[in-house]
Protein backbone atom coordinates (compact mmCIF):
# COMPACT_ATOMS: atom_id res chain seq x y z
CA SER A 1 -1.51 13.51 28.26
CA ILE A 2 -0.89 14.33 31.86
CA ASN A 3 -1.97 17.95 31.40
CA ARG A 4 -5.18 16.97 29.66
CA ARG A 5 -6.08 14.55 32.45
CA CYS A 6 -5.36 17.12 35.16
CA ARG A 7 -8.04 19.51 33.98
CA TYR A 8 -10.73 16.96 34.96
CA VAL A 9 -9.49 16.68 38.55
CA ARG A 10 -11.73 18.49 41.03
CA SER A 11 -8.91 19.84 43.17
CA ALA A 12 -5.47 21.04 42.22
CA PRO A 13 -2.68 18.49 42.55
CA ILE A 14 -0.32 18.85 45.49
CA SER A 15 3.26 18.95 44.32
CA LEU A 16 5.89 17.07 46.22
CA PRO A 17 9.62 17.44 45.88
CA LYS A 18 11.13 14.85 43.55
CA THR A 19 13.16 13.52 46.46
CA HIS A 20 9.94 12.23 48.06
CA ILE A 21 9.09 10.06 45.09
CA HIS A 22 11.50 7.26 44.31
CA ARG A 23 11.22 6.22 40.69
CA THR A 24 12.73 3.19 39.03
CA PRO A 25 14.91 3.78 35.96
CA SER A 26 12.12 2.39 33.75
CA GLU A 27 9.57 4.83 35.26
CA ILE A 28 11.94 7.72 34.62
CA GLN A 29 12.49 6.52 31.03
CA LEU A 30 8.74 6.18 30.49
CA ALA A 31 8.13 9.72 31.80
CA ASP A 32 10.90 11.08 29.55
CA ASP A 33 9.58 9.19 26.52
CA THR A 34 6.02 10.39 27.18
CA LEU A 35 7.15 14.01 27.45
CA TYR A 36 9.19 13.66 24.25
CA ALA A 37 6.21 12.15 22.38
CA GLU A 38 3.88 14.91 23.57
CA CYS A 39 6.39 17.55 22.43
CA LYS A 40 6.60 15.86 19.02
CA ASP A 41 2.78 15.84 18.78
CA ILE A 42 2.67 19.57 19.45
CA GLU A 43 5.46 20.16 16.94
CA MET A 44 3.60 18.19 14.26
CA TYR A 45 0.34 20.00 15.05
CA SER A 46 2.12 23.33 14.64
CA ARG A 47 3.72 22.25 11.36
CA LEU A 48 0.40 21.08 9.92
CA MET A 49 -1.49 24.21 10.90
CA THR A 50 1.30 26.54 9.77
CA GLY A 51 1.60 24.74 6.44
CA MET A 52 -2.12 24.85 5.77
CA LEU A 53 -2.35 28.53 6.69
CA HIS A 54 0.70 29.30 4.53
CA GLN A 55 -0.89 27.51 1.57
CA MET A 56 -4.06 29.49 2.05
CA GLN A 57 -2.20 32.82 2.22
CA HIS A 58 -0.06 31.88 -0.80
CA ARG A 59 -3.24 31.39 -2.80
CA GLY A 60 -4.55 34.73 -1.55
CA ASN A 61 -7.43 33.15 0.34
CA ASP A 62 -8.82 34.52 3.57
CA VAL A 63 -9.71 32.18 6.44
CA ASP A 64 -13.37 32.71 5.58
CA ASP A 65 -12.72 31.64 1.95
CA MET A 66 -11.02 28.39 2.92
CA HIS A 67 -11.64 25.34 0.73
CA PRO A 68 -14.20 23.07 2.47
CA LEU A 69 -11.82 20.08 2.55
CA MET A 70 -9.01 22.16 4.06
CA LYS A 71 -11.43 23.53 6.64
CA LYS A 72 -12.58 20.00 7.48
CA SER A 73 -8.95 18.87 7.83
CA MET A 74 -8.08 21.76 10.13
CA GLU A 75 -11.15 21.13 12.28
CA GLY A 76 -10.19 17.45 12.57
CA ILE A 77 -6.64 18.34 13.59
CA ILE A 78 -7.90 20.78 16.22
CA ARG A 79 -10.45 18.25 17.53
CA THR A 80 -7.73 15.63 17.86
CA MET A 81 -5.42 17.99 19.74
CA GLU A 82 -8.20 18.99 22.14
CA ALA A 83 -9.49 15.45 22.71
CA ASN A 84 -8.70 13.63 25.92
CA ASP A 85 -7.07 10.19 25.89
CA HIS A 86 -10.40 8.37 26.39
CA GLU A 87 -11.92 10.01 23.29
CA LEU A 88 -8.99 8.85 21.15
CA GLU A 89 -9.27 5.15 22.04
């Protein structure tokens, strides 16, 4: 994602007004589609984590008493969300 890539840049990006950057319709569509996909990823991440935590609470388990497979799944989900694009290839 754009935000994940930006954290590796040594200096802060300089923002320019959108009027200075002329984009083709396909570039605008790509940017919109990318933003939509990233929002959907975050939404799915939230749904997975909320569902797993809800299951755990429903069973009366504490986070420390989590089933090893559920813990492994949650760790994998978190690792994937925190990974940069290069790590996911």
